[in-house]
Amino acid sequence: MLLICFCSEWCNTCNSFKEKFDAIDWEGVRKHWIDVDSDSILLDGVNITKMPSVLLVSDDGETSFFSELPPKIDRLKFLVDHINKGTFPKGHVDIGAEIVAKRVWDECGK
């Protein structure tokens, strides 16, 4: 699974969450931090209005979740676990988020 977090350097909440995010070492989970200001080329077509926001992409490349998420590792772990188990309901994901997921997926290697 690919876990992408969208934040910004000016966001105090994001800055306090980054250390926890960087410490994530979950089996089968690759992570990528995107600064919405400095990595804006990756975000072409997606408007991130609330941070942190996360995008979760399953191993088959399907975008499973995209939304604002409180900066709590336990909630993030809950999502990851349920998506991996197939017990998280599939929802509609914005086409722009799908494009970003593909860009990051390609950049990070499959």
PDB file of N, CA and C in Angstrom:
ATOM      1  N   MET A   1       0.844  -1.174   0.000  1.00  0.00           N
ATOM      2  CA  MET A   1       0.000   0.000   0.000  1.00  0.00           C
ATOM      3  C   MET A   1       0.889   1.236   0.000  1.00  0.00           C
ATOM      4  N   LEU A   2       0.404   2.251  -0.694  1.00  0.00           N
ATOM      5  CA  LEU A   2       1.089   3.535  -0.719  1.00  0.00           C
ATOM      6  C   LEU A   2       0.261   4.526   0.095  1.00  0.00           C
ATOM      7  N   LEU A   3       0.907   5.171   1.045  1.00  0.00           N
ATOM      8  CA  LEU A   3       0.276   6.153   1.918  1.00  0.00           C
ATOM      9  C   LEU A   3       0.885   7.505   1.582  1.00  0.00           C
ATOM     10  N   ILE A   4       0.045   8.430   1.134  1.00  0.00           N
ATOM     11  CA  ILE A   4       0.503   9.763   0.754  1.00  0.00           C
ATOM     12  C   ILE A   4      -0.150  10.773   1.691  1.00  0.00           C
ATOM     13  N   CYS A   5       0.674  11.622   2.276  1.00  0.00           N
ATOM     14  CA  CYS A   5       0.155  12.667   3.155  1.00  0.00           C
ATOM     15  C   CYS A   5       0.425  14.016   2.515  1.00  0.00           C
ATOM     16  N   PHE A   6      -0.606  14.838   2.433  1.00  0.00           N
ATOM     17  CA  PHE A   6      -0.514  16.188   1.869  1.00  0.00           C
ATOM     18  C   PHE A   6      -0.507  17.194   3.013  1.00  0.00           C
ATOM     19  N   CYS A   7       0.551  17.966   3.093  1.00  0.00           N
ATOM     20  CA  CYS A   7       0.680  18.972   4.142  1.00  0.00           C
ATOM     21  C   CYS A   7       1.399  20.184   3.587  1.00  0.00           C
ATOM     22  N   SER A   8       1.736  21.106   4.477  1.00  0.00           N
ATOM     23  CA  SER A   8       2.480  22.284   4.071  1.00  0.00           C
ATOM     24  C   SER A   8       3.396  22.712   5.202  1.00  0.00           C
ATOM     25  N   GLU A   9       4.517  23.284   4.822  1.00  0.00           N
ATOM     26  CA  GLU A   9       5.507  23.707   5.811  1.00  0.00           C
ATOM     27  C   GLU A   9       4.951  24.765   6.765  1.00  0.00           C
ATOM     28  N   TRP A  10       4.046  25.606   6.295  1.00  0.00           N
ATOM     29  CA  TRP A  10       3.500  26.670   7.135  1.00  0.00           C
ATOM     30  C   TRP A  10       2.437  26.175   8.109  1.00  0.00           C
ATOM     31  N   CYS A  11       2.001  24.931   7.947  1.00  0.00           N
ATOM     32  CA  CYS A  11       0.926  24.374   8.778  1.00  0.00           C
ATOM     33  C   CYS A  11       1.505  23.768  10.065  1.00  0.00           C
ATOM     34  N   ASN A  12       1.212  24.392  11.194  1.00  0.00           N
ATOM     35  CA  ASN A  12       1.729  23.904  12.480  1.00  0.00           C
ATOM     36  C   ASN A  12       1.252  22.492  12.790  1.00  0.00           C
ATOM     37  N   THR A  13       0.009  22.187  12.477  1.00  0.00           N
ATOM     38  CA  THR A  13      -0.519  20.846  12.707  1.00  0.00           C
ATOM     39  C   THR A  13       0.269  19.826  11.894  1.00  0.00           C
ATOM     40  N   CYS A  14       0.542  20.161  10.642  1.00  0.00           N
ATOM     41  CA  CYS A  14       1.320  19.259   9.779  1.00  0.00           C
ATOM     42  C   CYS A  14       2.726  19.057  10.321  1.00  0.00           C
ATOM     43  N   ASN A  15       3.349  20.134  10.763  1.00  0.00           N
ATOM     44  CA  ASN A  15       4.715  20.031  11.272  1.00  0.00           C
ATOM     45  C   ASN A  15       4.791  19.122  12.489  1.00  0.00           C
ATOM     46  N   SER A  16       3.802  19.204  13.363  1.00  0.00           N
ATOM     47  CA  SER A  16       3.823  18.324  14.540  1.00  0.00           C
ATOM     48  C   SER A  16       3.492  16.882  14.154  1.00  0.00           C
ATOM     49  N   PHE A  17       2.743  16.688  13.077  1.00  0.00           N
ATOM     50  CA  PHE A  17       2.380  15.347  12.625  1.00  0.00           C
ATOM     51  C   PHE A  17       3.513  14.682  11.841  1.00  0.00           C
ATOM     52  N   LYS A  18       4.364  15.464  11.192  1.00  0.00           N
ATOM     53  CA  LYS A  18       5.402  14.914  10.311  1.00  0.00           C
ATOM     54  C   LYS A  18       6.329  13.940  11.035  1.00  0.00           C
ATOM     55  N   GLU A  19       6.719  14.248  12.237  1.00  0.00           N
ATOM     56  CA  GLU A  19       7.606  13.347  12.984  1.00  0.00           C
ATOM     57  C   GLU A  19       6.941  11.983  13.202  1.00  0.00           C
ATOM     58  N   LYS A  20       5.667  11.997  13.530  1.00  0.00           N
ATOM     59  CA  LYS A  20       4.930  10.740  13.719  1.00  0.00           C
ATOM     60  C   LYS A  20       4.783   9.996  12.392  1.00  0.00           C
ATOM     61  N   PHE A  21       4.497  10.745  11.342  1.00  0.00           N
ATOM     62  CA  PHE A  21       4.356  10.148  10.013  1.00  0.00           C
ATOM     63  C   PHE A  21       5.670   9.507   9.576  1.00  0.00           C
ATOM     64  N   ASP A  22       6.769  10.221   9.774  1.00  0.00           N
ATOM     65  CA  ASP A  22       8.081   9.708   9.383  1.00  0.00           C
ATOM     66  C   ASP A  22       8.441   8.429  10.145  1.00  0.00           C
ATOM     67  N   ALA A  23       7.913   8.282  11.351  1.00  0.00           N
ATOM     68  CA  ALA A  23       8.221   7.109  12.181  1.00  0.00           C
ATOM     69  C   ALA A  23       7.396   5.877  11.806  1.00  0.00           C
ATOM     70  N   ILE A  24       6.405   6.032  10.948  1.00  0.00           N
ATOM     71  CA  ILE A  24       5.577   4.890  10.548  1.00  0.00           C
ATOM     72  C   ILE A  24       6.451   3.832   9.879  1.00  0.00           C
ATOM     73  N   ASP A  25       6.339   2.623  10.389  1.00  0.00           N
ATOM     74  CA  ASP A  25       7.086   1.492   9.838  1.00  0.00           C
ATOM     75  C   ASP A  25       6.149   0.279   9.855  1.00  0.00           C
ATOM     76  N   TRP A  26       5.124   0.350   9.020  1.00  0.00           N
ATOM     77  CA  TRP A  26       4.134  -0.720   8.964  1.00  0.00           C
ATOM     78  C   TRP A  26       4.440  -1.618   7.788  1.00  0.00           C
ATOM     79  N   GLU A  27       4.353  -2.891   8.030  1.00  0.00           N
ATOM     80  CA  GLU A  27       4.643  -3.869   6.981  1.00  0.00           C
ATOM     81  C   GLU A  27       3.772  -3.628   5.753  1.00  0.00           C
ATOM     82  N   GLY A  28       4.422  -3.589   4.599  1.00  0.00           N
ATOM     83  CA  GLY A  28       3.692  -3.450   3.344  1.00  0.00           C
ATOM     84  C   GLY A  28       3.224  -2.042   3.017  1.00  0.00           C
ATOM     85  N   VAL A  29       3.635  -1.052   3.821  1.00  0.00           N
ATOM     86  CA  VAL A  29       3.196   0.325   3.595  1.00  0.00           C
ATOM     87  C   VAL A  29       4.403   1.192   3.236  1.00  0.00           C
ATOM     88  N   ARG A  30       4.336   1.776   2.037  1.00  0.00           N
ATOM     89  CA  ARG A  30       5.314   2.776   1.620  1.00  0.00           C
ATOM     90  C   ARG A  30       4.652   4.130   1.812  1.00  0.00           C
ATOM     91  N   LYS A  31       5.417   5.090   2.233  1.00  0.00           N
ATOM     92  CA  LYS A  31       4.817   6.396   2.508  1.00  0.00           C
ATOM     93  C   LYS A  31       5.536   7.500   1.752  1.00  0.00           C
ATOM     94  N   HIS A  32       4.778   8.553   1.489  1.00  0.00           N
ATOM     95  CA  HIS A  32       5.307   9.688   0.738  1.00  0.00           C
ATOM     96  C   HIS A  32       4.660  10.951   1.305  1.00  0.00           C
ATOM     97  N   TRP A  33       5.471  11.917   1.652  1.00  0.00           N
ATOM     98  CA  TRP A  33       5.014  13.204   2.182  1.00  0.00           C
ATOM     99  C   TRP A  33       5.052  14.216   1.049  1.00  0.00           C
ATOM    100  N   ILE A  34       3.944  14.873   0.795  1.00  0.00           N
ATOM    101  CA  ILE A  34       3.905  15.895  -0.254  1.00  0.00           C
ATOM    102  C   ILE A  34       3.595  17.243   0.379  1.00  0.00           C
ATOM    103  N   ASP A  35       4.508  18.196   0.164  1.00  0.00           N
ATOM    104  CA  ASP A  35       4.278  19.563   0.584  1.00  0.00           C
ATOM    105  C   ASP A  35       3.491  20.232  -0.540  1.00  0.00           C
ATOM    106  N   VAL A  36       2.292  20.678  -0.226  1.00  0.00           N
ATOM    107  CA  VAL A  36       1.403  21.197  -1.275  1.00  0.00           C
ATOM    108  C   VAL A  36       1.941  22.464  -1.936  1.00  0.00           C
ATOM    109  N   ASP A  37       2.902  23.117  -1.296  1.00  0.00           N
ATOM    110  CA  ASP A  37       3.489  24.313  -1.886  1.00  0.00           C
ATOM    111  C   ASP A  37       4.717  23.975  -2.731  1.00  0.00           C
ATOM    112  N   SER A  38       5.654  23.229  -2.177  1.00  0.00           N
ATOM    113  CA  SER A  38       6.896  22.959  -2.907  1.00  0.00           C
ATOM    114  C   SER A  38       6.781  21.805  -3.901  1.00  0.00           C
ATOM    115  N   ASP A  39       5.808  20.918  -3.710  1.00  0.00           N
ATOM    116  CA  ASP A  39       5.604  19.789  -4.626  1.00  0.00           C
ATOM    117  C   ASP A  39       4.368  19.990  -5.495  1.00  0.00           C
ATOM    118  N   SER A  40       4.069  21.236  -5.806  1.00  0.00           N
ATOM    119  CA  SER A  40       2.816  21.550  -6.488  1.00  0.00           C
ATOM    120  C   SER A  40       2.697  20.897  -7.865  1.00  0.00           C
ATOM    121  N   ILE A  41       3.825  20.573  -8.500  1.00  0.00           N
ATOM    122  CA  ILE A  41       3.748  19.947  -9.825  1.00  0.00           C
ATOM    123  C   ILE A  41       3.045  18.592  -9.752  1.00  0.00           C
ATOM    124  N   LEU A  42       3.213  17.881  -8.634  1.00  0.00           N
ATOM    125  CA  LEU A  42       2.527  16.599  -8.455  1.00  0.00           C
ATOM    126  C   LEU A  42       1.020  16.785  -8.303  1.00  0.00           C
ATOM    127  N   LEU A  43       0.622  17.961  -7.846  1.00  0.00           N
ATOM    128  CA  LEU A  43      -0.776  18.202  -7.510  1.00  0.00           C
ATOM    129  C   LEU A  43      -1.592  18.831  -8.620  1.00  0.00           C
ATOM    130  N   ASP A  44      -1.037  18.963  -9.784  1.00  0.00           N
ATOM    131  CA  ASP A  44      -1.756  19.574 -10.891  1.00  0.00           C
ATOM    132  C   ASP A  44      -3.132  18.935 -11.033  1.00  0.00           C
ATOM    133  N   GLY A  45      -4.162  19.719 -10.857  1.00  0.00           N
ATOM    134  CA  GLY A  45      -5.523  19.223 -10.991  1.00  0.00           C
ATOM    135  C   GLY A  45      -6.196  18.857  -9.677  1.00  0.00           C
ATOM    136  N   VAL A  46      -5.465  18.972  -8.563  1.00  0.00           N
ATOM    137  CA  VAL A  46      -6.051  18.644  -7.262  1.00  0.00           C
ATOM    138  C   VAL A  46      -5.911  19.859  -6.350  1.00  0.00           C
ATOM    139  N   ASN A  47      -7.000  20.215  -5.700  1.00  0.00           N
ATOM    140  CA  ASN A  47      -6.983  21.334  -4.779  1.00  0.00           C
ATOM    141  C   ASN A  47      -7.085  20.796  -3.357  1.00  0.00           C
ATOM    142  N   ILE A  48      -5.991  20.846  -2.624  1.00  0.00           N
ATOM    143  CA  ILE A  48      -5.982  20.417  -1.231  1.00  0.00           C
ATOM    144  C   ILE A  48      -6.341  21.632  -0.395  1.00  0.00           C
ATOM    145  N   THR A  49      -7.478  21.581   0.282  1.00  0.00           N
ATOM    146  CA  THR A  49      -7.921  22.734   1.064  1.00  0.00           C
ATOM    147  C   THR A  49      -7.781  22.528   2.560  1.00  0.00           C
ATOM    148  N   LYS A  50      -7.701  21.273   3.003  1.00  0.00           N
ATOM    149  CA  LYS A  50      -7.578  20.997   4.430  1.00  0.00           C
ATOM    150  C   LYS A  50      -6.412  20.049   4.635  1.00  0.00           C
ATOM    151  N   MET A  51      -5.652  20.328   5.675  1.00  0.00           N
ATOM    152  CA  MET A  51      -4.478  19.505   5.930  1.00  0.00           C
ATOM    153  C   MET A  51      -4.426  19.100   7.392  1.00  0.00           C
ATOM    154  N   PRO A  52      -3.865  17.936   7.653  1.00  0.00           N
ATOM    155  CA  PRO A  52      -3.352  16.998   6.668  1.00  0.00           C
ATOM    156  C   PRO A  52      -4.475  16.267   5.946  1.00  0.00           C
ATOM    157  N   SER A  53      -4.206  15.925   4.708  1.00  0.00           N
ATOM    158  CA  SER A  53      -5.088  15.064   3.924  1.00  0.00           C
ATOM    159  C   SER A  53      -4.272  13.842   3.536  1.00  0.00           C
ATOM    160  N   VAL A  54      -4.939  12.705   3.427  1.00  0.00           N
ATOM    161  CA  VAL A  54      -4.225  11.487   3.059  1.00  0.00           C
ATOM    162  C   VAL A  54      -4.879  10.822   1.868  1.00  0.00           C
ATOM    163  N   LEU A  55      -4.025  10.160   1.112  1.00  0.00           N
ATOM    164  CA  LEU A  55      -4.436   9.385  -0.053  1.00  0.00           C
ATOM    165  C   LEU A  55      -3.840   8.002   0.149  1.00  0.00           C
ATOM    166  N   LEU A  56      -4.691   6.981   0.137  1.00  0.00           N
ATOM    167  CA  LEU A  56      -4.241   5.599   0.311  1.00  0.00           C
ATOM    168  C   LEU A  56      -4.483   4.836  -0.976  1.00  0.00           C
ATOM    169  N   VAL A  57      -3.433   4.174  -1.457  1.00  0.00           N
ATOM    170  CA  VAL A  57      -3.493   3.427  -2.706  1.00  0.00           C
ATOM    171  C   VAL A  57      -3.124   1.979  -2.409  1.00  0.00           C
ATOM    172  N   SER A  58      -4.018   1.072  -2.749  1.00  0.00           N
ATOM    173  CA  SER A  58      -3.764  -0.342  -2.491  1.00  0.00           C
ATOM    174  C   SER A  58      -2.683  -0.867  -3.428  1.00  0.00           C
ATOM    175  N   ASP A  59      -2.189  -2.055  -3.141  1.00  0.00           N
ATOM    176  CA  ASP A  59      -1.084  -2.617  -3.930  1.00  0.00           C
ATOM    177  C   ASP A  59      -1.436  -2.855  -5.391  1.00  0.00           C
ATOM    178  N   ASP A  60      -2.712  -2.952  -5.698  1.00  0.00           N
ATOM    179  CA  ASP A  60      -3.103  -3.127  -7.097  1.00  0.00           C
ATOM    180  C   ASP A  60      -3.225  -1.787  -7.828  1.00  0.00           C
ATOM    181  N   GLY A  61      -2.853  -0.699  -7.137  1.00  0.00           N
ATOM    182  CA  GLY A  61      -2.871   0.623  -7.751  1.00  0.00           C
ATOM    183  C   GLY A  61      -4.206   1.334  -7.653  1.00  0.00           C
ATOM    184  N   GLU A  62      -5.170   0.731  -6.977  1.00  0.00           N
ATOM    185  CA  GLU A  62      -6.493   1.347  -6.838  1.00  0.00           C
ATOM    186  C   GLU A  62      -6.497   2.329  -5.673  1.00  0.00           C
ATOM    187  N   THR A  63      -6.954   3.535  -5.940  1.00  0.00           N
ATOM    188  CA  THR A  63      -7.060   4.527  -4.878  1.00  0.00           C
ATOM    189  C   THR A  63      -8.217   4.149  -3.981  1.00  0.00           C
ATOM    190  N   SER A  64      -7.905   3.964  -2.702  1.00  0.00           N
ATOM    191  CA  SER A  64      -8.904   3.458  -1.759  1.00  0.00           C
ATOM    192  C   SER A  64      -9.497   4.537  -0.869  1.00  0.00           C
ATOM    193  N   PHE A  65      -8.748   5.607  -0.631  1.00  0.00           N
ATOM    194  CA  PHE A  65      -9.221   6.629   0.300  1.00  0.00           C
ATOM    195  C   PHE A  65      -8.517   7.934  -0.013  1.00  0.00           C
ATOM    196  N   PHE A  66      -9.282   9.043   0.021  1.00  0.00           N
ATOM    197  CA  PHE A  66      -8.705  10.371  -0.135  1.00  0.00           C
ATOM    198  C   PHE A  66      -9.559  11.346   0.637  1.00  0.00           C
ATOM    199  N   SER A  67      -8.989  11.927   1.690  1.00  0.00           N
ATOM    200  CA  SER A  67      -9.755  12.872   2.494  1.00  0.00           C
ATOM    201  C   SER A  67      -8.852  13.551   3.519  1.00  0.00           C
ATOM    202  N   GLU A  68      -9.375  14.597   4.085  1.00  0.00           N
ATOM    203  CA  GLU A  68      -8.746  15.201   5.246  1.00  0.00           C
ATOM    204  C   GLU A  68      -8.794  14.164   6.365  1.00  0.00           C
ATOM    205  N   LEU A  69      -7.795  14.144   7.197  1.00  0.00           N
ATOM    206  CA  LEU A  69      -7.763  13.191   8.299  1.00  0.00           C
ATOM    207  C   LEU A  69      -7.119  13.864   9.500  1.00  0.00           C
ATOM    208  N   PRO A  70      -7.741  13.752  10.681  1.00  0.00           N
ATOM    209  CA  PRO A  70      -7.081  14.319  11.866  1.00  0.00           C
ATOM    210  C   PRO A  70      -5.683  13.711  12.010  1.00  0.00           C
ATOM    211  N   PRO A  71      -4.729  14.486  12.479  1.00  0.00           N
ATOM    212  CA  PRO A  71      -3.347  14.008  12.560  1.00  0.00           C
ATOM    213  C   PRO A  71      -3.138  13.023  13.710  1.00  0.00           C
ATOM    214  N   LYS A  72      -3.800  11.909  13.615  1.00  0.00           N
ATOM    215  CA  LYS A  72      -3.710  10.880  14.657  1.00  0.00           C
ATOM    216  C   LYS A  72      -3.305   9.565  14.009  1.00  0.00           C
ATOM    217  N   ILE A  73      -2.181   9.049  14.426  1.00  0.00           N
ATOM    218  CA  ILE A  73      -1.637   7.830  13.845  1.00  0.00           C
ATOM    219  C   ILE A  73      -2.592   6.655  14.022  1.00  0.00           C
ATOM    220  N   ASP A  74      -3.291   6.574  15.154  1.00  0.00           N
ATOM    221  CA  ASP A  74      -4.199   5.445  15.371  1.00  0.00           C
ATOM    222  C   ASP A  74      -5.343   5.432  14.355  1.00  0.00           C
ATOM    223  N   ARG A  75      -5.832   6.583  13.968  1.00  0.00           N
ATOM    224  CA  ARG A  75      -6.892   6.632  12.939  1.00  0.00           C
ATOM    225  C   ARG A  75      -6.358   6.227  11.573  1.00  0.00           C
ATOM    226  N   LEU A  76      -5.150   6.660  11.296  1.00  0.00           N
ATOM    227  CA  LEU A  76      -4.512   6.294  10.041  1.00  0.00           C
ATOM    228  C   LEU A  76      -4.264   4.789   9.991  1.00  0.00           C
ATOM    229  N   LYS A  77      -3.793   4.219  11.084  1.00  0.00           N
ATOM    230  CA  LYS A  77      -3.544   2.778  11.155  1.00  0.00           C
ATOM    231  C   LYS A  77      -4.851   2.008  10.982  1.00  0.00           C
ATOM    232  N   PHE A  78      -5.933   2.495  11.567  1.00  0.00           N
ATOM    233  CA  PHE A  78      -7.250   1.879  11.423  1.00  0.00           C
ATOM    234  C   PHE A  78      -7.640   1.805   9.949  1.00  0.00           C
ATOM    235  N   LEU A  79      -7.485   2.914   9.233  1.00  0.00           N
ATOM    236  CA  LEU A  79      -7.809   2.947   7.805  1.00  0.00           C
ATOM    237  C   LEU A  79      -6.959   1.956   7.015  1.00  0.00           C
ATOM    238  N   VAL A  80      -5.662   2.004   7.244  1.00  0.00           N
ATOM    239  CA  VAL A  80      -4.747   1.121   6.521  1.00  0.00           C
ATOM    240  C   VAL A  80      -5.111  -0.345   6.773  1.00  0.00           C
ATOM    241  N   ASP A  81      -5.332  -0.686   8.018  1.00  0.00           N
ATOM    242  CA  ASP A  81      -5.672  -2.078   8.357  1.00  0.00           C
ATOM    243  C   ASP A  81      -6.957  -2.535   7.675  1.00  0.00           C
ATOM    244  N   HIS A  82      -7.977  -1.696   7.699  1.00  0.00           N
ATOM    245  CA  HIS A  82      -9.263  -2.086   7.108  1.00  0.00           C
ATOM    246  C   HIS A  82      -9.212  -2.122   5.581  1.00  0.00           C
ATOM    247  N   ILE A  83      -8.450  -1.253   4.985  1.00  0.00           N
ATOM    248  CA  ILE A  83      -8.294  -1.309   3.526  1.00  0.00           C
ATOM    249  C   ILE A  83      -7.544  -2.578   3.146  1.00  0.00           C
ATOM    250  N   ASN A  84      -6.490  -2.901   3.892  1.00  0.00           N
ATOM    251  CA  ASN A  84      -5.732  -4.124   3.620  1.00  0.00           C
ATOM    252  C   ASN A  84      -6.576  -5.384   3.796  1.00  0.00           C
ATOM    253  N   LYS A  85      -7.486  -5.367   4.758  1.00  0.00           N
ATOM    254  CA  LYS A  85      -8.353  -6.525   5.005  1.00  0.00           C
ATOM    255  C   LYS A  85      -9.531  -6.587   4.038  1.00  0.00           C
ATOM    256  N   GLY A  86      -9.763  -5.503   3.303  1.00  0.00           N
ATOM    257  CA  GLY A  86     -10.906  -5.451   2.401  1.00  0.00           C
ATOM    258  C   GLY A  86     -12.211  -5.155   3.117  1.00  0.00           C
ATOM    259  N   THR A  87     -12.116  -4.624   4.337  1.00  0.00           N
ATOM    260  CA  THR A  87     -13.317  -4.336   5.117  1.00  0.00           C
ATOM    261  C   THR A  87     -13.673  -2.851   5.147  1.00  0.00           C
ATOM    262  N   PHE A  88     -12.982  -2.059   4.345  1.00  0.00           N
ATOM    263  CA  PHE A  88     -13.285  -0.638   4.263  1.00  0.00           C
ATOM    264  C   PHE A  88     -14.091  -0.403   3.003  1.00  0.00           C
ATOM    265  N   PRO A  89     -15.265   0.232   3.114  1.00  0.00           N
ATOM    266  CA  PRO A  89     -16.097   0.431   1.921  1.00  0.00           C
ATOM    267  C   PRO A  89     -15.420   1.332   0.895  1.00  0.00           C
ATOM    268  N   LYS A  90     -15.543   0.950  -0.341  1.00  0.00           N
ATOM    269  CA  LYS A  90     -14.988   1.761  -1.429  1.00  0.00           C
ATOM    270  C   LYS A  90     -15.846   3.004  -1.595  1.00  0.00           C
ATOM    271  N   GLY A  91     -15.185   4.118  -1.773  1.00  0.00           N
ATOM    272  CA  GLY A  91     -15.905   5.363  -1.979  1.00  0.00           C
ATOM    273  C   GLY A  91     -15.463   6.012  -3.269  1.00  0.00           C
ATOM    274  N   HIS A  92     -16.145   7.055  -3.634  1.00  0.00           N
ATOM    275  CA  HIS A  92     -15.779   7.808  -4.832  1.00  0.00           C
ATOM    276  C   HIS A  92     -14.529   8.617  -4.524  1.00  0.00           C
ATOM    277  N   VAL A  93     -13.546   8.545  -5.400  1.00  0.00           N
ATOM    278  CA  VAL A  93     -12.319   9.326  -5.253  1.00  0.00           C
ATOM    279  C   VAL A  93     -12.205  10.253  -6.453  1.00  0.00           C
ATOM    280  N   ASP A  94     -11.945  11.503  -6.180  1.00  0.00           N
ATOM    281  CA  ASP A  94     -11.791  12.525  -7.205  1.00  0.00           C
ATOM    282  C   ASP A  94     -10.776  12.094  -8.266  1.00  0.00           C
ATOM    283  N   ILE A  95     -11.082  12.346  -9.529  1.00  0.00           N
ATOM    284  CA  ILE A  95     -10.201  11.945 -10.630  1.00  0.00           C
ATOM    285  C   ILE A  95      -8.830  12.605 -10.494  1.00  0.00           C
ATOM    286  N   GLY A  96      -8.787  13.818  -9.982  1.00  0.00           N
ATOM    287  CA  GLY A  96      -7.504  14.482  -9.755  1.00  0.00           C
ATOM    288  C   GLY A  96      -6.656  13.725  -8.752  1.00  0.00           C
ATOM    289  N   ALA A  97      -7.289  13.187  -7.714  1.00  0.00           N
ATOM    290  CA  ALA A  97      -6.569  12.390  -6.724  1.00  0.00           C
ATOM    291  C   ALA A  97      -6.045  11.108  -7.352  1.00  0.00           C
ATOM    292  N   GLU A  98      -6.816  10.534  -8.255  1.00  0.00           N
ATOM    293  CA  GLU A  98      -6.367   9.336  -8.973  1.00  0.00           C
ATOM    294  C   GLU A  98      -5.109   9.646  -9.783  1.00  0.00           C
ATOM    295  N   ILE A  99      -5.077  10.805 -10.404  1.00  0.00           N
ATOM    296  CA  ILE A  99      -3.922  11.197 -11.218  1.00  0.00           C
ATOM    297  C   ILE A  99      -2.698  11.412 -10.326  1.00  0.00           C
ATOM    298  N   VAL A 100      -2.888  12.092  -9.191  1.00  0.00           N
ATOM    299  CA  VAL A 100      -1.786  12.293  -8.256  1.00  0.00           C
ATOM    300  C   VAL A 100      -1.281  10.951  -7.750  1.00  0.00           C
ATOM    301  N   ALA A 101      -2.202  10.051  -7.417  1.00  0.00           N
ATOM    302  CA  ALA A 101      -1.814   8.726  -6.937  1.00  0.00           C
ATOM    303  C   ALA A 101      -0.936   8.020  -7.961  1.00  0.00           C
ATOM    304  N   LYS A 102      -1.317   8.108  -9.228  1.00  0.00           N
ATOM    305  CA  LYS A 102      -0.532   7.468 -10.281  1.00  0.00           C
ATOM    306  C   LYS A 102       0.857   8.097 -10.398  1.00  0.00           C
ATOM    307  N   ARG A 103       0.915   9.428 -10.317  1.00  0.00           N
ATOM    308  CA  ARG A 103       2.213  10.117 -10.398  1.00  0.00           C
ATOM    309  C   ARG A 103       3.144   9.685  -9.257  1.00  0.00           C
ATOM    310  N   VAL A 104       2.608   9.662  -8.045  1.00  0.00           N
ATOM    311  CA  VAL A 104       3.425   9.297  -6.881  1.00  0.00           C
ATOM    312  C   VAL A 104       3.775   7.808  -6.959  1.00  0.00           C
ATOM    313  N   TRP A 105       2.805   6.981  -7.357  1.00  0.00           N
ATOM    314  CA  TRP A 105       3.037   5.541  -7.501  1.00  0.00           C
ATOM    315  C   TRP A 105       4.210   5.305  -8.464  1.00  0.00           C
ATOM    316  N   ASP A 106       4.199   6.004  -9.593  1.00  0.00           N
ATOM    317  CA  ASP A 106       5.275   5.870 -10.570  1.00  0.00           C
ATOM    318  C   ASP A 106       6.601   6.400 -10.030  1.00  0.00           C
ATOM    319  N   GLU A 107       6.550   7.504  -9.315  1.00  0.00           N
ATOM    320  CA  GLU A 107       7.753   8.118  -8.757  1.00  0.00           C
ATOM    321  C   GLU A 107       8.382   7.239  -7.668  1.00  0.00           C
ATOM    322  N   CYS A 108       7.534   6.632  -6.843  1.00  0.00           N
ATOM    323  CA  CYS A 108       8.033   5.831  -5.720  1.00  0.00           C
ATOM    324  C   CYS A 108       8.424   4.421  -6.140  1.00  0.00           C
ATOM    325  N   GLY A 109       8.046   4.043  -7.321  1.00  0.00           N
ATOM    326  CA  GLY A 109       8.303   2.667  -7.759  1.00  0.00           C
ATOM    327  C   GLY A 109       7.214   1.765  -7.227  1.00  0.00           C
ATOM    328  N   LYS A 110       6.847   0.793  -8.023  1.00  0.00           N
ATOM    329  CA  LYS A 110       5.729  -0.073  -7.658  1.00  0.00           C
ATOM    330  C   LYS A 110       6.144  -1.135  -6.677  1.00  0.00           C
TER     331      LYS A 110
END
